[in-house]
N, C-alpha and C. Protein backbone atom coordinates (compact mmCIF):
# COMPACT_ATOMS: atom_id res chain seq x y z
N MET A 1 72.93 -20.30 -27.66
CA MET A 1 72.45 -21.43 -28.52
C MET A 1 72.37 -22.78 -27.57
N LYS A 2 73.83 -23.25 -27.10
CA LYS A 2 74.26 -24.32 -26.40
C LYS A 2 73.23 -24.54 -25.28
N THR A 3 72.90 -23.54 -24.58
CA THR A 3 71.97 -23.07 -23.20
C THR A 3 70.62 -23.39 -23.83
N LEU A 4 70.35 -23.26 -24.61
CA LEU A 4 68.70 -23.16 -25.21
C LEU A 4 68.67 -24.75 -25.73
N ALA A 5 69.37 -25.39 -26.26
CA ALA A 5 69.47 -26.82 -26.49
C ALA A 5 69.72 -27.87 -25.50
N LEU A 6 70.44 -27.23 -24.41
CA LEU A 6 70.50 -28.07 -23.25
C LEU A 6 69.18 -27.94 -22.48
N ALA A 7 68.59 -26.82 -22.43
CA ALA A 7 67.15 -26.99 -21.94
C ALA A 7 66.28 -27.42 -22.28
N LEU A 8 66.34 -27.58 -23.79
CA LEU A 8 65.26 -28.35 -24.59
C LEU A 8 65.43 -29.79 -24.49
N PHE A 9 66.52 -29.99 -24.26
CA PHE A 9 67.13 -31.41 -24.13
C PHE A 9 66.26 -32.18 -22.60
N GLY A 10 66.60 -31.23 -21.71
CA GLY A 10 66.40 -31.54 -20.40
C GLY A 10 64.55 -31.60 -20.01
N MET A 11 63.85 -30.73 -20.84
CA MET A 11 62.70 -30.79 -21.01
C MET A 11 62.18 -31.74 -21.55
N LEU A 12 62.63 -32.43 -22.67
CA LEU A 12 62.33 -33.44 -23.50
C LEU A 12 62.62 -34.74 -22.64
N LEU A 13 63.63 -34.73 -22.00
CA LEU A 13 64.04 -35.98 -21.32
C LEU A 13 62.91 -35.99 -19.99
N ALA A 14 62.64 -34.88 -19.69
CA ALA A 14 61.35 -34.82 -18.23
C ALA A 14 60.30 -35.30 -18.64
N LEU A 15 59.87 -35.19 -19.94
CA LEU A 15 58.73 -35.53 -20.73
C LEU A 15 58.66 -36.72 -21.14
N ILE A 16 59.70 -37.54 -21.64
CA ILE A 16 59.70 -39.02 -21.66
C ILE A 16 59.80 -39.61 -20.57
N GLN A 17 60.48 -39.35 -19.43
CA GLN A 17 60.51 -39.73 -18.15
C GLN A 17 58.99 -39.78 -17.40
N ALA A 18 58.14 -38.67 -17.46
CA ALA A 18 56.74 -38.55 -17.12
C ALA A 18 55.94 -39.68 -17.84
N SER A 19 56.05 -39.73 -19.16
CA SER A 19 55.11 -40.37 -19.75
C SER A 19 55.54 -41.84 -19.76
N ALA A 20 56.74 -42.27 -19.20
CA ALA A 20 57.24 -43.82 -18.94
C ALA A 20 56.43 -44.23 -17.75
N THR A 21 55.75 -43.73 -17.05
CA THR A 21 55.14 -44.43 -15.52
C THR A 21 54.57 -45.16 -16.20
N GLU A 22 54.67 -46.62 -15.38
CA GLU A 22 53.91 -47.80 -15.83
C GLU A 22 52.67 -47.88 -14.91
N PRO A 23 51.75 -48.51 -15.53
CA PRO A 23 50.53 -48.82 -14.80
C PRO A 23 50.77 -49.59 -13.43
N PRO A 24 50.03 -49.77 -12.30
CA PRO A 24 50.28 -50.89 -11.32
C PRO A 24 50.02 -52.37 -12.02
N ALA A 25 50.74 -53.07 -11.52
CA ALA A 25 50.92 -54.31 -11.85
C ALA A 25 49.34 -55.33 -12.13
N ASN A 26 48.66 -54.88 -11.21
CA ASN A 26 47.00 -55.79 -11.39
C ASN A 26 46.27 -54.87 -12.42
N PHE A 27 46.70 -53.68 -12.96
CA PHE A 27 45.95 -52.66 -13.35
C PHE A 27 45.43 -53.16 -15.09
N ALA A 28 44.40 -53.48 -15.38
CA ALA A 28 44.05 -53.87 -16.79
C ALA A 28 43.97 -52.76 -17.69
N SER A 29 44.67 -52.35 -18.55
CA SER A 29 44.80 -50.82 -19.31
C SER A 29 43.87 -51.41 -20.84
N HIS A 30 43.52 -50.38 -21.35
CA HIS A 30 42.77 -50.43 -22.35
C HIS A 30 43.48 -49.98 -23.36
N ALA A 31 43.56 -50.54 -24.74
CA ALA A 31 44.60 -49.98 -25.53
C ALA A 31 44.00 -48.55 -26.27
N THR A 32 42.80 -48.43 -26.03
CA THR A 32 41.88 -46.96 -26.45
C THR A 32 41.00 -46.91 -25.25
N PRO A 33 40.82 -45.68 -24.86
CA PRO A 33 39.73 -45.15 -23.74
C PRO A 33 38.36 -45.95 -24.26
N GLN A 34 37.42 -46.65 -23.29
CA GLN A 34 36.36 -47.24 -23.42
C GLN A 34 35.25 -46.41 -23.02
N PRO A 35 34.11 -46.70 -23.51
CA PRO A 35 32.82 -45.64 -22.95
C PRO A 35 32.33 -46.58 -21.64
N VAL A 36 31.91 -45.70 -20.62
CA VAL A 36 31.70 -45.99 -19.36
C VAL A 36 30.16 -45.65 -19.52
N PRO A 37 29.48 -46.99 -18.95
CA PRO A 37 28.00 -46.77 -18.78
C PRO A 37 27.43 -45.67 -17.99
N GLU A 38 26.28 -45.16 -18.25
CA GLU A 38 25.50 -44.10 -17.28
C GLU A 38 25.51 -44.85 -16.28
N ILE A 39 25.87 -44.19 -15.06
CA ILE A 39 25.54 -44.84 -13.70
C ILE A 39 24.99 -43.74 -12.95
N SER A 40 24.09 -43.92 -11.62
CA SER A 40 23.63 -42.87 -10.87
C SER A 40 23.73 -43.50 -9.58
N PHE A 41 23.87 -42.36 -8.83
CA PHE A 41 23.77 -42.55 -7.23
C PHE A 41 23.62 -41.49 -6.37
N GLN A 42 23.58 -41.34 -5.19
CA GLN A 42 23.57 -40.23 -4.39
C GLN A 42 24.74 -39.87 -3.83
N ASN A 43 24.68 -38.61 -3.37
CA ASN A 43 25.62 -38.36 -2.36
C ASN A 43 25.16 -38.35 -0.93
N ALA A 44 25.86 -37.90 0.23
CA ALA A 44 25.64 -37.88 1.47
C ALA A 44 24.53 -37.31 1.86
N ASP A 45 24.06 -36.24 1.08
CA ASP A 45 22.60 -35.57 1.49
C ASP A 45 21.55 -36.12 0.80
N GLY A 46 21.77 -37.32 -0.09
CA GLY A 46 20.86 -37.99 -0.74
C GLY A 46 20.48 -37.18 -2.07
N GLN A 47 21.36 -36.30 -2.76
CA GLN A 47 21.23 -35.53 -3.82
C GLN A 47 21.63 -36.54 -4.97
N PRO A 48 20.97 -36.46 -6.37
CA PRO A 48 21.24 -37.42 -7.05
C PRO A 48 22.65 -37.12 -7.85
N LYS A 49 23.46 -37.78 -8.16
CA LYS A 49 24.86 -37.82 -8.99
C LYS A 49 25.27 -38.58 -10.04
N THR A 50 26.04 -38.37 -10.94
CA THR A 50 26.21 -38.99 -12.14
C THR A 50 27.87 -38.91 -12.33
N LEU A 51 28.22 -39.83 -13.17
CA LEU A 51 29.96 -39.32 -13.53
C LEU A 51 30.20 -38.26 -14.10
N ALA A 52 28.76 -37.71 -14.69
CA ALA A 52 29.02 -36.55 -15.53
C ALA A 52 29.51 -35.47 -14.91
N ASP A 53 29.05 -35.32 -13.32
CA ASP A 53 29.38 -34.42 -12.37
C ASP A 53 30.79 -34.21 -12.30
N PHE A 54 31.54 -35.07 -12.86
CA PHE A 54 33.24 -35.01 -12.55
C PHE A 54 33.75 -34.77 -14.02
N SER A 55 32.93 -34.56 -14.73
CA SER A 55 33.57 -34.17 -16.25
C SER A 55 34.77 -33.05 -16.06
N GLY A 56 35.53 -33.57 -16.95
CA GLY A 56 37.02 -32.73 -16.96
C GLY A 56 37.97 -32.97 -15.79
N LYS A 57 37.40 -34.10 -15.13
CA LYS A 57 38.59 -34.54 -14.09
C LYS A 57 39.05 -35.73 -14.45
N ILE A 58 40.17 -36.45 -13.94
CA ILE A 58 40.55 -37.70 -13.83
C ILE A 58 39.87 -38.37 -12.74
N VAL A 59 39.10 -39.50 -12.87
CA VAL A 59 38.29 -39.93 -11.62
C VAL A 59 38.87 -41.31 -11.46
N LEU A 60 39.27 -41.60 -9.92
CA LEU A 60 39.36 -43.03 -9.43
C LEU A 60 38.02 -43.31 -9.12
N LEU A 61 37.20 -44.33 -9.87
CA LEU A 61 35.87 -44.77 -9.22
C LEU A 61 36.14 -46.03 -8.72
N ASN A 62 35.99 -45.98 -7.14
CA ASN A 62 36.13 -47.35 -6.51
C ASN A 62 34.69 -47.98 -6.13
N ILE A 63 34.14 -48.96 -6.52
CA ILE A 63 33.05 -49.67 -6.28
C ILE A 63 33.24 -50.83 -4.98
N TRP A 64 32.50 -50.25 -3.71
CA TRP A 64 33.11 -51.09 -2.62
C TRP A 64 31.62 -51.17 -1.77
N ALA A 65 31.79 -51.80 -0.64
CA ALA A 65 30.71 -51.86 0.41
C ALA A 65 31.36 -52.50 1.80
N THR A 66 30.82 -52.13 2.94
CA THR A 66 31.12 -52.12 3.87
C THR A 66 31.51 -53.38 4.57
N TRP A 67 30.56 -54.33 3.92
CA TRP A 67 30.62 -55.78 4.58
C TRP A 67 31.88 -56.49 3.79
N CYS A 68 32.38 -55.81 2.76
CA CYS A 68 33.81 -56.62 2.28
C CYS A 68 34.98 -56.24 2.63
N ALA A 69 35.63 -57.50 3.30
CA ALA A 69 36.71 -57.27 4.34
C ALA A 69 37.90 -56.53 3.81
N PRO A 70 38.30 -56.66 2.50
CA PRO A 70 39.60 -55.71 2.19
C PRO A 70 39.33 -54.27 2.26
N TYR A 71 38.17 -53.75 2.76
CA TYR A 71 38.10 -52.45 2.44
C TYR A 71 38.74 -51.68 3.77
N ARG A 72 38.86 -52.44 4.99
CA ARG A 72 39.33 -51.90 6.28
C ARG A 72 40.63 -51.52 5.91
N LYS A 73 41.48 -52.23 4.80
CA LYS A 73 42.62 -51.75 4.72
C LYS A 73 42.73 -50.72 3.35
N GLU A 74 41.75 -51.02 2.43
CA GLU A 74 41.96 -50.23 1.12
C GLU A 74 41.36 -48.96 1.33
N MET A 75 40.41 -49.04 2.06
CA MET A 75 39.76 -47.30 1.99
C MET A 75 40.51 -46.38 2.56
N PRO A 76 41.32 -46.40 3.94
CA PRO A 76 42.47 -45.63 3.96
C PRO A 76 43.63 -45.25 3.00
N THR A 77 43.95 -46.11 2.20
CA THR A 77 44.73 -46.07 0.84
C THR A 77 44.27 -45.04 0.08
N LEU A 78 42.94 -44.77 -0.35
CA LEU A 78 42.14 -44.43 -1.38
C LEU A 78 41.77 -43.00 -0.40
N ASP A 79 41.68 -42.87 0.53
CA ASP A 79 41.49 -41.56 1.44
C ASP A 79 42.92 -40.73 1.32
N ARG A 80 44.02 -41.43 1.65
CA ARG A 80 45.19 -40.71 1.52
C ARG A 80 45.54 -40.39 -0.23
N LEU A 81 45.25 -40.98 -0.93
CA LEU A 81 45.28 -40.63 -2.55
C LEU A 81 44.65 -39.35 -2.58
N GLN A 82 43.31 -39.49 -2.33
CA GLN A 82 42.48 -38.38 -2.38
C GLN A 82 42.89 -37.10 -1.62
N ALA A 83 43.53 -37.02 -0.60
CA ALA A 83 44.11 -35.99 0.38
C ALA A 83 45.65 -35.53 -0.62
N GLU A 84 46.31 -36.35 -1.36
CA GLU A 84 47.55 -36.01 -1.78
C GLU A 84 47.18 -35.41 -3.52
N LEU A 85 46.34 -36.06 -4.11
CA LEU A 85 46.17 -35.35 -5.70
C LEU A 85 44.73 -35.06 -5.72
N GLY A 86 43.83 -34.86 -4.63
CA GLY A 86 42.27 -34.39 -5.05
C GLY A 86 42.37 -33.11 -5.18
N GLY A 87 41.56 -32.77 -6.18
CA GLY A 87 41.05 -31.39 -6.54
C GLY A 87 40.48 -30.81 -8.01
N VAL A 88 40.71 -29.81 -8.29
CA VAL A 88 40.27 -29.73 -9.62
C VAL A 88 40.83 -30.94 -10.71
N ASP A 89 41.55 -31.53 -10.91
CA ASP A 89 42.02 -32.30 -11.74
C ASP A 89 41.79 -33.78 -11.52
N PHE A 90 41.60 -33.96 -10.47
CA PHE A 90 41.56 -35.52 -9.71
C PHE A 90 40.42 -35.49 -8.55
N GLU A 91 39.68 -36.80 -8.77
CA GLU A 91 39.25 -37.16 -7.90
C GLU A 91 38.60 -38.56 -7.31
N VAL A 92 38.81 -39.09 -6.37
CA VAL A 92 38.45 -40.37 -6.03
C VAL A 92 36.96 -40.27 -5.63
N VAL A 93 36.43 -41.07 -6.47
CA VAL A 93 34.77 -41.23 -6.20
C VAL A 93 34.63 -42.88 -5.46
N ALA A 94 34.54 -42.78 -4.61
CA ALA A 94 34.24 -44.11 -3.76
C ALA A 94 32.68 -44.36 -3.64
N LEU A 95 32.21 -45.37 -4.19
CA LEU A 95 30.94 -45.47 -4.66
C LEU A 95 30.44 -46.60 -3.89
N SER A 96 29.73 -46.68 -2.38
CA SER A 96 29.31 -47.73 -1.84
C SER A 96 28.00 -48.47 -2.59
N VAL A 97 27.99 -49.91 -2.31
CA VAL A 97 26.76 -50.44 -2.90
C VAL A 97 26.03 -51.27 -1.37
N ASP A 98 26.18 -50.18 -0.40
CA ASP A 98 25.79 -50.84 0.68
C ASP A 98 24.04 -50.66 0.56
N ARG A 99 23.39 -51.52 0.89
CA ARG A 99 21.77 -51.59 0.88
C ARG A 99 21.32 -50.89 2.19
N LYS A 100 21.94 -50.88 3.01
CA LYS A 100 21.28 -49.95 4.43
C LYS A 100 21.38 -48.81 4.52
N GLY A 101 22.12 -48.22 3.44
CA GLY A 101 22.01 -46.45 3.51
C GLY A 101 23.26 -45.88 3.68
N PRO A 102 23.44 -44.71 3.86
CA PRO A 102 24.31 -43.76 3.87
C PRO A 102 25.03 -43.92 5.46
N GLU A 103 24.12 -43.86 6.75
CA GLU A 103 24.53 -44.36 7.72
C GLU A 103 25.65 -45.37 8.12
N VAL A 104 25.66 -46.27 7.44
CA VAL A 104 26.18 -47.41 7.45
C VAL A 104 27.76 -47.05 7.00
N VAL A 105 27.76 -46.61 5.91
CA VAL A 105 28.99 -45.78 5.19
C VAL A 105 29.54 -44.73 6.08
N ARG A 106 28.76 -44.01 6.96
CA ARG A 106 29.13 -43.04 7.69
C ARG A 106 30.09 -43.54 8.89
N LYS A 107 29.19 -44.56 9.22
CA LYS A 107 29.62 -45.33 10.62
C LYS A 107 31.16 -45.86 10.35
N PHE A 108 31.17 -46.47 8.98
CA PHE A 108 32.47 -47.18 8.38
C PHE A 108 33.53 -46.15 8.27
N PHE A 109 33.10 -44.95 7.89
CA PHE A 109 34.32 -44.05 7.41
C PHE A 109 34.99 -43.27 8.69
N ASP A 110 33.84 -43.34 9.77
CA ASP A 110 34.16 -42.77 11.20
C ASP A 110 35.34 -43.83 11.94
N GLU A 111 34.84 -45.15 11.88
CA GLU A 111 35.73 -46.35 12.46
C GLU A 111 36.89 -46.35 11.72
N ILE A 112 37.13 -46.16 10.54
CA ILE A 112 38.42 -46.22 9.95
C ILE A 112 39.48 -44.98 9.72
N GLY A 113 38.80 -43.88 10.05
CA GLY A 113 39.41 -42.40 10.04
C GLY A 113 39.33 -41.74 8.61
N VAL A 114 38.58 -42.15 7.69
CA VAL A 114 38.33 -41.57 6.39
C VAL A 114 37.94 -40.18 6.40
N LYS A 115 39.01 -39.26 6.06
CA LYS A 115 38.51 -37.81 6.26
C LYS A 115 38.13 -36.87 4.68
N HIS A 116 38.96 -37.60 3.62
CA HIS A 116 39.01 -36.85 2.35
C HIS A 116 37.87 -37.29 1.40
N LEU A 117 37.32 -38.19 1.65
CA LEU A 117 36.59 -38.99 0.46
C LEU A 117 35.20 -38.50 1.06
N ALA A 118 34.69 -38.19 -0.14
CA ALA A 118 33.09 -37.92 -0.29
C ALA A 118 32.30 -39.15 -0.09
N LEU A 119 31.27 -39.18 0.64
CA LEU A 119 30.35 -40.44 0.76
C LEU A 119 29.31 -40.38 -0.51
N ASN A 120 29.15 -41.49 -1.19
CA ASN A 120 28.49 -41.73 -2.37
C ASN A 120 28.16 -42.88 -2.26
N ILE A 121 26.65 -43.26 -2.70
CA ILE A 121 26.24 -44.36 -2.49
C ILE A 121 25.04 -45.01 -3.48
N ASP A 122 25.08 -45.89 -3.77
CA ASP A 122 24.02 -46.82 -4.67
C ASP A 122 23.28 -47.94 -4.08
N THR A 123 22.33 -47.80 -3.17
CA THR A 123 21.77 -49.09 -2.53
C THR A 123 21.29 -49.91 -3.40
N SER A 124 20.74 -49.49 -4.65
CA SER A 124 20.55 -50.40 -5.42
C SER A 124 21.33 -51.34 -6.53
N SER A 125 22.67 -51.17 -5.96
CA SER A 125 23.53 -51.75 -6.76
C SER A 125 23.68 -51.82 -8.26
N LYS A 126 22.84 -51.20 -8.68
CA LYS A 126 22.79 -50.97 -10.34
C LYS A 126 23.97 -50.71 -10.96
N ALA A 127 24.63 -49.61 -10.25
CA ALA A 127 26.17 -49.66 -10.92
C ALA A 127 27.07 -50.32 -11.10
N MET A 128 27.01 -51.43 -9.80
CA MET A 128 28.30 -52.57 -10.18
C MET A 128 27.72 -53.43 -11.27
N PHE A 129 26.34 -53.62 -11.47
CA PHE A 129 26.25 -54.59 -12.63
C PHE A 129 26.42 -53.87 -13.87
N ALA A 130 26.19 -52.30 -14.15
CA ALA A 130 26.42 -51.78 -15.14
C ALA A 130 27.46 -51.91 -15.85
N LEU A 131 28.83 -51.69 -14.68
CA LEU A 131 30.09 -51.99 -15.09
C LEU A 131 30.64 -53.25 -15.01
N GLY A 132 30.12 -53.81 -14.99
CA GLY A 132 30.43 -55.51 -15.03
C GLY A 132 31.41 -56.02 -14.07
N ALA A 133 30.99 -55.82 -12.95
CA ALA A 133 31.71 -56.04 -11.52
C ALA A 133 31.41 -57.41 -11.31
N VAL A 134 32.71 -58.34 -11.38
CA VAL A 134 32.11 -59.70 -11.03
C VAL A 134 32.42 -60.11 -9.52
N GLY A 135 32.80 -58.94 -8.99
CA GLY A 135 33.08 -59.08 -7.57
C GLY A 135 33.65 -57.56 -7.07
N LEU A 136 33.84 -57.33 -5.89
CA LEU A 136 34.24 -56.11 -5.22
C LEU A 136 35.79 -56.48 -4.68
N PRO A 137 36.37 -55.71 -4.54
CA PRO A 137 36.47 -54.16 -5.04
C PRO A 137 36.78 -54.29 -6.55
N LEU A 138 35.97 -53.11 -7.19
CA LEU A 138 36.43 -52.78 -8.49
C LEU A 138 36.60 -51.22 -8.76
N THR A 139 37.97 -51.15 -9.10
CA THR A 139 38.18 -49.64 -9.61
C THR A 139 38.49 -49.47 -11.07
N LEU A 140 37.71 -48.32 -11.44
CA LEU A 140 38.09 -47.82 -12.72
C LEU A 140 38.81 -46.53 -12.60
N LEU A 141 39.74 -46.23 -13.63
CA LEU A 141 40.22 -44.86 -13.97
C LEU A 141 39.83 -44.60 -15.10
N ILE A 142 39.13 -43.42 -14.87
CA ILE A 142 38.30 -42.68 -15.90
C ILE A 142 39.09 -41.35 -16.26
N ASP A 143 39.06 -41.46 -17.69
CA ASP A 143 39.48 -39.95 -18.20
C ASP A 143 38.47 -38.69 -18.10
N ARG A 144 39.30 -37.72 -18.64
CA ARG A 144 38.76 -36.33 -18.25
C ARG A 144 37.38 -36.26 -19.13
N GLU A 145 37.23 -36.94 -20.25
CA GLU A 145 35.81 -37.39 -20.97
C GLU A 145 35.33 -38.05 -20.44
N GLY A 146 35.17 -38.99 -19.41
CA GLY A 146 34.45 -39.84 -19.15
C GLY A 146 34.32 -41.24 -19.50
N ARG A 147 35.99 -41.47 -20.01
CA ARG A 147 35.86 -42.98 -20.75
C ARG A 147 36.88 -43.67 -19.93
N GLU A 148 36.62 -45.13 -19.64
CA GLU A 148 37.54 -45.80 -18.86
C GLU A 148 39.02 -46.24 -19.78
N ILE A 149 39.98 -45.52 -18.69
CA ILE A 149 41.62 -45.80 -19.26
C ILE A 149 41.72 -47.51 -18.84
N GLY A 150 41.08 -48.06 -17.85
CA GLY A 150 41.47 -49.36 -17.42
C GLY A 150 40.96 -49.41 -15.95
N ARG A 151 41.10 -50.66 -15.19
CA ARG A 151 40.45 -51.13 -14.32
C ARG A 151 41.48 -52.05 -13.70
N VAL A 152 40.91 -51.93 -12.14
CA VAL A 152 41.62 -52.90 -11.33
C VAL A 152 40.59 -53.74 -10.75
N ILE A 153 40.50 -55.22 -10.29
CA ILE A 153 39.66 -56.06 -9.74
C ILE A 153 40.23 -56.51 -8.72
N GLY A 154 39.74 -56.29 -7.47
CA GLY A 154 40.50 -56.78 -6.04
C GLY A 154 41.11 -55.41 -5.65
N PRO A 155 41.36 -55.76 -4.41
CA PRO A 155 42.03 -54.63 -3.73
C PRO A 155 43.65 -54.09 -4.11
N ALA A 156 43.90 -52.68 -3.90
CA ALA A 156 45.28 -52.51 -4.12
C ALA A 156 45.58 -51.50 -3.23
N GLU A 157 47.14 -51.24 -3.35
CA GLU A 157 47.63 -50.15 -2.55
C GLU A 157 47.77 -48.53 -3.03
N TRP A 158 46.62 -47.89 -3.00
CA TRP A 158 46.38 -46.78 -4.05
C TRP A 158 47.26 -45.38 -3.44
N ASP A 159 47.96 -45.48 -2.23
CA ASP A 159 48.82 -44.53 -2.07
C ASP A 159 49.98 -44.85 -2.06
N SER A 160 50.54 -45.82 -2.85
CA SER A 160 52.05 -46.45 -3.07
C SER A 160 52.57 -45.50 -4.07
N PRO A 161 53.91 -45.18 -3.92
CA PRO A 161 54.58 -44.46 -4.71
C PRO A 161 54.35 -44.66 -6.23
N GLU A 162 54.28 -45.92 -6.75
CA GLU A 162 54.03 -46.32 -8.11
C GLU A 162 52.63 -45.75 -8.45
N VAL A 163 51.61 -45.99 -7.75
CA VAL A 163 50.29 -45.45 -7.94
C VAL A 163 50.29 -44.13 -8.14
N VAL A 164 50.70 -43.57 -7.30
CA VAL A 164 50.93 -42.01 -7.10
C VAL A 164 51.09 -41.58 -8.16
N ALA A 165 52.45 -42.00 -8.77
CA ALA A 165 53.11 -41.27 -10.27
C ALA A 165 52.34 -41.69 -11.22
N PHE A 166 51.90 -42.98 -11.35
CA PHE A 166 51.02 -43.36 -12.45
C PHE A 166 49.82 -42.52 -12.63
N ILE A 167 49.16 -42.01 -11.30
CA ILE A 167 48.13 -41.37 -11.74
C ILE A 167 48.19 -40.07 -11.93
N ARG A 168 49.43 -39.37 -11.34
CA ARG A 168 49.96 -38.12 -11.35
C ARG A 168 50.44 -37.69 -12.87
N ASP A 169 50.77 -38.93 -13.54
CA ASP A 169 51.03 -38.76 -15.03
C ASP A 169 49.77 -38.74 -15.98
N ARG A 170 48.71 -39.09 -15.50
CA ARG A 170 47.60 -39.03 -16.24
C ARG A 170 46.90 -37.80 -15.95
N ILE A 171 47.38 -37.22 -14.68
CA ILE A 171 46.73 -35.95 -14.54
C ILE A 171 47.28 -34.94 -15.31
N ALA A 172 48.55 -35.15 -15.26
CA ALA A 172 49.53 -34.24 -16.28
C ALA A 172 49.20 -34.03 -17.73
N THR A 173 48.73 -35.27 -18.27
CA THR A 173 48.22 -35.32 -19.62
C THR A 173 47.00 -34.79 -19.94
N LYS A 174 46.93 -33.57 -20.52
CA LYS A 174 45.65 -32.63 -20.53
C LYS A 174 45.21 -32.92 -21.87
């Protein structure tokens, strides 16, 4: 009986510690998840995509452009985050708003060594405006039901241990 009580206490302690992971300092959390406007974009092959295509996953949606200087530093951190956590439960959706098309994004990915992120593009920039972006980068953390948990305006170090732990915690919450 004592062994069972200790095991249950250990599990409870682990659960409390896992759920106590704090969001990144510049992460603006919502008290309750908020609806995300419908946005559409294209993948590298020109096929239409929407956020509904990622239903059931935790999504880190990053709105960016190759002409925005912080991306030389930020994009590799998103690529490493996708390499570490990406899979059936989580995906980084890097959505470029470059008007010159996917070729510019492919070239940028090659230049900075991006290997794990899918190429997604919205040449119309409608997604940026629908999401209320006042500047770039804008990153939304979206729950499995497609609702916004919170956002970061400006660049972040997405592969830092604190951010990885925070996102891992969101993934574990089913």
